[in-house]
């Protein structure tokens, strides 16, 4: 009896959720059919070649994290021809453009980050072949920087006015610390109604953020020559044993926990026993309790292996910890449901909606803001010299962004 009631209640809840999503899909389709929105879409079709050239030109300006100003200045100059109410830099170096609405609710923020993971001095030259464009940083995140620029021009060309203000933020330091987003949100939190991070993604969206913890574990000892009898061991031995044990840990699959030991280091020369051997740990999950639990288990392994061989441990955080950002009810917020509806209205059939963001949306969620993330084109090879994006779908992605801008800011 009880199980039957529970099943009926679950079915009713699912039915209600589906109905609400369907209602917003109809609304999104109606918005897409507005003559002004169709004009904006037509503008994108008419400017495909200039969009591609501009996308490539911006990508070829390398922007290592923390040194984004050259690319930011190129974006600022492009914004000068747009109908914006204000364009300015904040004290962190974020470039902010405001397109005021007619009045209605708090601002809707669209964020694309300027920085890349590549070293200073890298010469970037994009190559177009087989329907793709290849270049380091072409996707992460220059595709979305260009998508915002193209969408602003399309809004202008179509004469679209939204009720709420649109704030377009080209952020710095996303790849290293989320520092740009944290600064912007701290200064503008009371003005922000919805926060959309454009970073990755195409056919789906995220509504929650994963926790990201980075550690550097050191094994410290006296070192010595290769032939010395005391101390008997190099610090690499307890480090190696600890790594083996850590990788033997069974990781949960629901919710999933990701663990990676990416960097290793030790002695300065070949003929010396390492006095300091270290490795990094990257620990991620949507479940903060799981992250905390594995942090403790890894710390215990490190201590045990150090004590076994008479070493001490020094552990440091590689960067500030990012807690898992899961806001109860955000999945059913207007922002997330309308974003899902916009995807369906644009013809995406299998829309993925997950709580697994790892971008500036995490900072907005941690600040208690309604936030999500998506992107404007399918790409591959992120963070590699062989990074690439499909060209044709990118124009559809820009149209999706336009519809999202209008749908979220017109309530």
Protein backbone atom coordinates (compact mmCIF):
# COMPACT_ATOMS: atom_id res chain seq x y z
CA UNK A 1 0.00 0.00 0.00
CA UNK A 2 2.71 2.45 1.06
CA UNK A 3 4.90 1.64 -1.95
CA UNK A 4 1.92 2.21 -4.28
CA UNK A 5 1.25 5.63 -2.78
CA UNK A 6 4.93 6.57 -3.10
CA UNK A 7 4.95 5.42 -6.72
CA UNK A 8 1.85 7.50 -7.48
CA UNK A 9 3.36 10.55 -5.82
CA UNK A 10 6.60 10.13 -7.76
CA UNK A 11 4.67 9.76 -11.00
CA UNK A 12 2.68 12.90 -10.20
CA UNK A 13 5.84 14.87 -9.45
CA UNK A 14 7.50 13.68 -12.64
CA UNK A 15 4.38 14.49 -14.60
CA UNK A 16 4.27 17.97 -13.11
CA UNK A 17 7.93 18.58 -13.90
CA UNK A 18 7.43 17.40 -17.47
CA UNK A 19 4.37 19.62 -17.89
CA UNK A 20 6.22 22.67 -16.62
CA UNK A 21 9.14 21.99 -18.96
CA UNK A 22 6.72 21.49 -21.86
CA UNK A 23 4.96 24.79 -21.09
CA UNK A 24 8.29 26.65 -21.19
CA UNK A 25 9.27 24.89 -24.42
CA UNK A 26 6.13 26.28 -26.01
CA UNK A 27 6.95 29.70 -24.65
CA UNK A 28 10.52 29.48 -25.95
CA UNK A 29 9.23 28.50 -29.39
CA UNK A 30 6.86 31.49 -29.39
CA UNK A 31 9.76 33.80 -28.55
CA UNK A 32 11.82 32.26 -31.36
CA UNK A 33 8.95 33.03 -33.78
CA UNK A 34 8.91 36.74 -32.98
CA UNK A 35 9.82 38.78 -36.07
CA UNK A 36 12.62 40.60 -34.22
CA UNK A 37 14.18 37.32 -33.07
CA UNK A 38 13.96 35.94 -36.60
CA UNK A 39 15.73 39.08 -37.82
CA UNK A 40 18.48 38.46 -35.28
CA UNK A 41 18.84 34.89 -36.54
CA UNK A 42 18.95 36.16 -40.14
CA UNK A 43 21.73 38.55 -39.16
CA UNK A 44 23.85 35.62 -37.98
CA UNK A 45 23.27 33.81 -41.28
CA UNK A 46 24.23 36.93 -43.24
CA UNK A 47 27.48 37.44 -41.31
CA UNK A 48 28.85 33.90 -41.13
CA UNK A 49 32.17 34.71 -42.81
CA UNK A 50 32.94 37.81 -40.70
CA UNK A 51 32.06 35.84 -37.55
CA UNK A 52 34.50 33.08 -38.47
CA UNK A 53 37.26 35.56 -39.29
CA UNK A 54 36.74 37.42 -36.02
CA UNK A 55 36.65 34.17 -34.02
CA UNK A 56 39.98 33.16 -35.53
CA UNK A 57 41.54 36.59 -35.01
CA UNK A 58 40.65 36.60 -31.31
CA UNK A 59 41.93 33.06 -30.86
CA UNK A 60 45.27 34.00 -32.37
CA UNK A 61 45.79 36.54 -29.57
CA UNK A 62 47.14 34.30 -26.85
CA UNK A 63 45.80 35.14 -23.39
CA UNK A 64 47.55 33.17 -20.64
CA UNK A 65 45.61 33.22 -17.40
CA UNK A 66 46.43 36.45 -15.58
CA UNK A 67 47.73 38.12 -18.76
CA UNK A 68 44.55 38.63 -20.75
CA UNK A 69 44.68 42.38 -21.45
CA UNK A 70 45.77 42.22 -25.11
CA UNK A 71 42.81 40.00 -25.98
CA UNK A 72 40.53 42.06 -23.74
CA UNK A 73 41.52 45.22 -25.61
CA UNK A 74 40.70 43.57 -28.93
CA UNK A 75 37.25 42.68 -27.57
CA UNK A 76 36.77 46.20 -26.17
CA UNK A 77 37.51 47.75 -29.56
CA UNK A 78 34.93 45.46 -31.18
CA UNK A 79 32.35 46.48 -28.58
CA UNK A 80 32.77 50.14 -29.51
CA UNK A 81 30.56 49.65 -32.58
CA UNK A 82 27.75 48.07 -30.55
CA UNK A 83 24.78 49.83 -28.97
CA UNK A 84 25.83 49.46 -25.37
CA UNK A 85 25.23 51.75 -22.43
CA UNK A 86 28.58 51.21 -20.78
CA UNK A 87 31.81 49.34 -21.45
CA UNK A 88 34.51 49.32 -18.78
CA UNK A 89 37.18 47.37 -16.93
CA UNK A 90 36.85 46.61 -13.24
CA UNK A 91 39.84 46.64 -10.90
CA UNK A 92 40.47 42.92 -11.49
CA UNK A 93 40.71 43.30 -15.26
CA UNK A 94 37.32 41.90 -16.24
CA UNK A 95 35.82 43.63 -19.27
CA UNK A 96 32.15 44.46 -18.66
CA UNK A 97 29.53 45.61 -21.18
CA UNK A 98 26.05 46.70 -20.12
CA UNK A 99 23.03 46.74 -22.42
CA UNK A 100 20.25 48.33 -20.43
CA UNK A 101 16.72 46.97 -20.57
CA UNK A 102 13.41 48.77 -20.53
CA UNK A 103 12.97 47.97 -16.85
CA UNK A 104 12.09 44.68 -15.25
CA UNK A 105 13.93 42.62 -12.69
CA UNK A 106 17.60 42.23 -11.95
CA UNK A 107 20.28 41.92 -14.60
CA UNK A 108 20.99 38.73 -16.49
CA UNK A 109 24.74 38.07 -16.71
CA UNK A 110 26.41 36.24 -19.58
CA UNK A 111 30.03 35.36 -18.81
CA UNK A 112 32.75 34.09 -21.17
CA UNK A 113 36.32 33.91 -19.95
CA UNK A 114 39.21 35.50 -21.83
CA UNK A 115 42.09 33.41 -20.51
CA UNK A 116 43.68 30.24 -21.83
CA UNK A 117 45.89 27.56 -20.30
CA UNK A 118 48.76 28.11 -22.73
CA UNK A 119 52.16 29.58 -21.94
CA UNK A 120 53.15 33.15 -22.63
CA UNK A 121 54.83 33.63 -25.99
CA UNK A 122 52.98 30.84 -27.78
CA UNK A 123 52.38 31.78 -31.41
CA UNK A 124 48.91 30.66 -32.46
CA UNK A 125 47.85 30.19 -36.06
CA UNK A 126 44.40 28.78 -36.75
CA UNK A 127 43.81 26.28 -39.54
CA UNK A 128 40.48 25.53 -41.22
CA UNK A 129 39.98 22.08 -42.71
CA UNK A 130 37.30 19.40 -43.00
CA UNK A 131 34.58 21.63 -41.56
CA UNK A 132 36.60 22.36 -38.43
CA UNK A 133 38.83 25.14 -37.17
CA UNK A 134 41.98 24.08 -35.30
CA UNK A 135 43.89 26.27 -32.83
CA UNK A 136 44.85 26.25 -29.15
CA UNK A 137 42.03 28.00 -27.28
CA UNK A 138 39.62 28.05 -30.23
CA UNK A 139 36.98 26.40 -28.07
CA UNK A 140 37.93 27.11 -24.47
CA UNK A 141 36.73 29.74 -24.33
CA UNK A 142 37.08 31.87 -27.46
CA UNK A 143 34.05 30.29 -29.13
CA UNK A 144 31.87 31.78 -26.40
CA UNK A 145 33.65 35.15 -26.39
CA UNK A 146 32.89 35.42 -30.10
CA UNK A 147 29.34 34.12 -29.60
CA UNK A 148 28.61 36.96 -27.18
CA UNK A 149 30.01 39.55 -29.59
CA UNK A 150 27.97 38.19 -32.50
CA UNK A 151 24.82 38.00 -30.36
CA UNK A 152 25.14 41.64 -29.28
CA UNK A 153 25.43 42.78 -32.89
CA UNK A 154 22.42 40.62 -33.81
CA UNK A 155 20.32 42.15 -31.00
CA UNK A 156 21.29 45.59 -32.29
CA UNK A 157 20.58 44.77 -35.93
CA UNK A 158 17.15 43.34 -35.09
CA UNK A 159 16.23 46.20 -32.74
CA UNK A 160 15.59 43.87 -29.81
CA UNK A 161 15.04 45.39 -26.38
CA UNK A 162 14.85 43.23 -23.28
CA UNK A 163 13.11 44.11 -20.03
CA UNK A 164 16.04 43.30 -17.75
CA UNK A 165 19.54 44.63 -18.25
CA UNK A 166 21.99 42.33 -19.99
CA UNK A 167 25.49 42.32 -18.50
CA UNK A 168 28.16 40.76 -20.68
CA UNK A 169 31.30 39.92 -18.71
CA UNK A 170 34.58 38.84 -20.28
CA UNK A 171 36.33 37.42 -17.25
CA UNK A 172 39.97 36.84 -16.36
CA UNK A 173 41.69 34.00 -14.49
CA UNK A 174 38.99 31.36 -14.94
CA UNK A 175 41.55 28.70 -15.74
CA UNK A 176 43.62 29.24 -12.59
CA UNK A 177 41.51 30.55 -9.73
CA UNK A 178 38.04 31.72 -10.85
CA UNK A 179 39.43 35.04 -9.61
CA UNK A 180 37.73 37.22 -12.20
CA UNK A 181 34.28 35.80 -11.57
CA UNK A 182 34.71 35.93 -7.80
CA UNK A 183 35.65 39.61 -7.99
CA UNK A 184 32.82 40.52 -10.36
CA UNK A 185 30.20 38.69 -8.31
CA UNK A 186 31.39 40.23 -5.04
CA UNK A 187 31.04 43.73 -6.52
CA UNK A 188 27.71 43.16 -8.31
CA UNK A 189 25.83 40.47 -6.41
CA UNK A 190 22.87 42.69 -5.52
CA UNK A 191 22.36 43.59 -9.19
CA UNK A 192 22.42 40.02 -10.53
CA UNK A 193 19.21 38.06 -11.02
CA UNK A 194 20.57 35.22 -13.17
CA UNK A 195 24.13 34.17 -14.03
CA UNK A 196 24.95 32.19 -17.16
CA UNK A 197 28.52 30.99 -17.69
CA UNK A 198 29.29 30.23 -21.32
CA UNK A 199 32.09 27.69 -21.12
CA UNK A 200 32.04 24.40 -22.95
CA UNK A 201 28.76 22.66 -23.71
CA UNK A 202 26.49 22.80 -26.73
CA UNK A 203 23.57 20.38 -26.58
CA UNK A 204 23.05 20.65 -22.83
CA UNK A 205 23.59 22.61 -19.66
CA UNK A 206 24.65 22.33 -16.04
CA UNK A 207 22.87 23.67 -12.96
CA UNK A 208 25.25 22.70 -10.14
CA UNK A 209 28.98 22.82 -9.61
CA UNK A 210 31.44 20.10 -8.73
CA UNK A 211 33.83 20.54 -5.82
CA UNK A 212 37.48 20.82 -6.85
CA UNK A 213 40.27 20.27 -4.32
CA UNK A 214 43.94 20.36 -5.33
CA UNK A 215 46.70 19.26 -2.93
CA UNK A 216 50.47 18.92 -3.05
CA UNK A 217 51.84 16.28 -0.65
CA UNK A 218 55.56 16.44 0.20
CA UNK A 219 57.66 13.71 1.84
CA UNK A 220 60.54 15.45 3.63
CA UNK A 221 63.80 13.78 4.76
CA UNK A 222 67.55 14.43 5.00
CA UNK A 223 68.48 13.19 1.51
CA UNK A 224 72.01 11.98 0.77
CA UNK A 225 74.34 10.59 -1.89
CA UNK A 226 73.32 7.55 -3.91
CA UNK A 227 76.03 5.46 -2.16
CA UNK A 228 75.39 6.69 1.38
CA UNK A 229 74.31 4.10 3.93
CA UNK A 230 72.29 6.58 5.95
CA UNK A 231 69.62 7.62 5.42
CA UNK A 232 68.75 4.37 3.61
CA UNK A 233 65.92 5.67 1.44
CA UNK A 234 65.08 8.43 -0.98
CA UNK A 235 61.85 10.34 -0.35
CA UNK A 236 60.66 8.91 -3.65
CA UNK A 237 60.02 5.54 -1.99
CA UNK A 238 57.22 6.58 0.42
CA UNK A 239 55.86 8.84 -2.32
CA UNK A 240 55.67 5.91 -4.74
CA UNK A 241 54.06 3.63 -2.17
CA UNK A 242 51.49 6.28 -1.31
CA UNK A 243 50.63 6.84 -4.97
CA UNK A 244 50.10 3.11 -5.49
CA UNK A 245 47.78 2.90 -2.48
CA UNK A 246 45.83 6.02 -3.44
CA UNK A 247 45.19 4.68 -6.94
CA UNK A 248 43.96 1.42 -5.40
CA UNK A 249 41.11 3.23 -3.62
CA UNK A 250 37.69 2.28 -4.95
CA UNK A 251 35.92 5.39 -6.18
CA UNK A 252 32.12 5.80 -5.97
CA UNK A 253 30.18 5.97 -9.21
CA UNK A 254 27.00 7.63 -7.92
CA UNK A 255 27.73 10.40 -7.31
CA UNK A 256 31.03 9.91 -9.07
CA UNK A 257 34.34 10.87 -7.46
CA UNK A 258 37.25 11.76 -9.78
CA UNK A 259 40.83 11.43 -8.54
CA UNK A 260 44.04 12.19 -10.42
CA UNK A 261 47.72 12.39 -9.47
CA UNK A 262 48.97 14.63 -12.22
CA UNK A 263 52.35 16.07 -11.18
CA UNK A 264 55.42 14.48 -9.59
CA UNK A 265 58.69 15.99 -8.39
CA UNK A 266 61.80 15.15 -6.42
CA UNK A 267 65.55 15.59 -6.18
CA UNK A 268 67.54 18.08 -8.24
CA UNK A 269 70.19 15.66 -9.52
CA UNK A 270 70.47 12.02 -10.57
CA UNK A 271 73.04 11.00 -7.96
CA UNK A 272 71.19 12.08 -4.83
CA UNK A 273 68.47 10.63 -2.69
CA UNK A 274 65.52 12.98 -2.76
CA UNK A 275 65.13 15.05 0.40
CA UNK A 276 61.74 16.22 -0.86
CA UNK A 277 59.53 14.09 -3.11
CA UNK A 278 56.04 15.32 -3.89
CA UNK A 279 52.94 14.70 -5.94
CA UNK A 280 49.70 16.53 -6.57
CA UNK A 281 46.16 15.25 -6.08
CA UNK A 282 43.12 16.54 -7.98
CA UNK A 283 39.92 15.44 -6.20
CA UNK A 284 36.47 16.25 -7.63
CA UNK A 285 32.83 15.38 -7.01
CA UNK A 286 29.38 16.89 -6.79
CA UNK A 287 29.22 15.41 -3.28
CA UNK A 288 31.18 17.50 -0.78
CA UNK A 289 30.92 14.80 1.87
CA UNK A 290 32.64 12.35 -0.49
CA UNK A 291 35.40 14.87 -1.23
CA UNK A 292 36.01 15.42 2.48
CA UNK A 293 36.05 11.67 3.13
CA UNK A 294 38.60 10.91 0.41
CA UNK A 295 40.73 13.87 1.52
CA UNK A 296 40.98 12.26 4.96
CA UNK A 297 41.73 8.80 3.55
CA UNK A 298 44.48 10.14 1.29
CA UNK A 299 45.99 12.16 4.14
CA UNK A 300 46.07 9.02 6.30
CA UNK A 301 47.85 7.03 3.57
CA UNK A 302 50.44 9.77 3.13
CA UNK A 303 51.12 9.91 6.88
CA UNK A 304 51.39 6.13 7.20
CA UNK A 305 53.92 5.81 4.37
CA UNK A 306 55.97 8.73 5.69
CA UNK A 307 56.15 7.23 9.19
CA UNK A 308 57.05 3.82 7.77
CA UNK A 309 60.33 5.22 6.45
CA UNK A 310 61.00 7.99 8.96
CA UNK A 311 59.92 10.94 6.84
CA UNK A 312 57.71 13.90 7.66
CA UNK A 313 54.84 15.25 5.60
CA UNK A 314 54.08 18.74 4.38
CA UNK A 315 50.77 19.26 2.60
CA UNK A 316 49.77 22.45 0.80
CA UNK A 317 46.72 23.52 -1.15
CA UNK A 318 47.72 24.21 -4.76
CA UNK A 319 44.88 26.72 -4.97
CA UNK A 320 41.93 27.74 -2.86
CA UNK A 321 39.49 24.87 -2.49
CA UNK A 322 36.28 25.10 -4.49
CA UNK A 323 33.43 23.45 -2.57
CA UNK A 324 30.71 21.55 -4.37
CA UNK A 325 28.03 24.07 -5.35
CA UNK A 326 24.65 22.39 -5.24
CA UNK A 327 21.72 24.74 -4.53
CA UNK A 328 18.51 22.92 -3.53
CA UNK A 329 15.78 23.70 -6.04
CA UNK A 330 18.04 25.19 -8.70
CA UNK A 331 17.16 22.40 -11.13
CA UNK A 332 13.53 23.56 -11.03
CA UNK A 333 14.34 27.28 -11.19
CA UNK A 334 12.95 29.34 -14.04
CA UNK A 335 16.47 29.92 -15.36
CA UNK A 336 17.35 26.25 -15.71
CA UNK A 337 13.94 25.15 -17.00
CA UNK A 338 13.85 27.97 -19.56
CA UNK A 339 17.40 27.18 -20.67
CA UNK A 340 16.34 23.57 -21.20
CA UNK A 341 13.29 24.80 -23.10
CA UNK A 342 15.44 27.04 -25.30
CA UNK A 343 17.58 24.05 -26.26
CA UNK A 344 14.46 22.10 -27.23
CA UNK A 345 13.05 25.07 -29.14
CA UNK A 346 16.31 25.20 -31.10
CA UNK A 347 15.87 21.57 -32.11
CA UNK A 348 18.19 19.82 -29.65
CA UNK A 349 16.49 16.52 -28.84
CA UNK A 350 18.64 14.86 -26.18
CA UNK A 351 19.26 17.79 -23.88
CA UNK A 352 21.62 16.82 -21.08
CA UNK A 353 21.00 18.61 -17.78
CA UNK A 354 23.57 17.80 -15.09
CA UNK A 355 24.90 19.22 -11.78
CA UNK A 356 28.52 19.02 -12.94
CA UNK A 357 29.74 22.52 -13.82
CA UNK A 358 33.44 23.27 -13.45
CA UNK A 359 33.59 26.92 -14.46
CA UNK A 360 32.58 30.41 -13.35
CA UNK A 361 29.01 29.23 -12.71
CA UNK A 362 30.39 27.51 -9.60
CA UNK A 363 31.30 30.91 -8.13
CA UNK A 364 27.82 32.28 -8.76
CA UNK A 365 26.20 29.21 -7.21
CA UNK A 366 28.46 29.43 -4.16
CA UNK A 367 27.36 33.06 -3.79
CA UNK A 368 23.74 31.86 -3.68
CA UNK A 369 22.80 33.12 -7.14
CA UNK A 370 20.59 31.32 -9.63
CA UNK A 371 23.16 30.11 -12.14
CA UNK A 372 23.86 27.63 -14.91
CA UNK A 373 26.36 27.01 -17.69
CA UNK A 374 26.19 26.04 -21.33
CA UNK A 375 28.09 26.78 -24.53
CA UNK A 376 27.77 27.66 -28.19
CA UNK A 377 29.58 24.99 -30.16
CA UNK A 378 30.85 21.41 -30.19
CA UNK A 379 34.62 21.25 -29.77
CA UNK A 380 37.34 18.79 -28.81
CA UNK A 381 40.90 18.60 -27.56
CA UNK A 382 40.38 21.18 -24.83
CA UNK A 383 43.59 22.46 -23.21
CA UNK A 384 45.75 20.93 -25.94
CA UNK A 385 47.65 22.33 -28.91
CA UNK A 386 45.33 20.27 -31.11
CA UNK A 387 42.12 21.92 -29.89
CA UNK A 388 39.37 22.19 -32.52
CA UNK A 389 35.72 23.16 -33.07
CA UNK A 390 33.13 22.35 -35.70
CA UNK A 391 32.28 25.48 -37.69
CA UNK A 392 28.74 24.89 -38.98
CA UNK A 393 27.07 24.17 -35.59
CA UNK A 394 28.64 27.32 -34.10
CA UNK A 395 26.13 29.56 -35.91
CA UNK A 396 23.27 27.54 -34.44
CA UNK A 397 24.92 27.92 -31.05
CA UNK A 398 24.97 31.71 -31.42
CA UNK A 399 21.25 31.66 -32.26
CA UNK A 400 20.66 29.55 -29.16
CA UNK A 401 22.46 32.22 -27.16
CA UNK A 402 20.31 34.99 -28.65
CA UNK A 403 17.14 33.11 -27.79
CA UNK A 404 18.47 32.48 -24.28
CA UNK A 405 19.26 36.16 -23.81
CA UNK A 406 15.78 37.22 -24.85
CA UNK A 407 13.92 34.46 -23.00
CA UNK A 408 15.71 35.01 -19.68
CA UNK A 409 15.73 38.81 -19.74
CA UNK A 410 12.19 39.33 -21.01
CA UNK A 411 10.25 38.16 -17.95
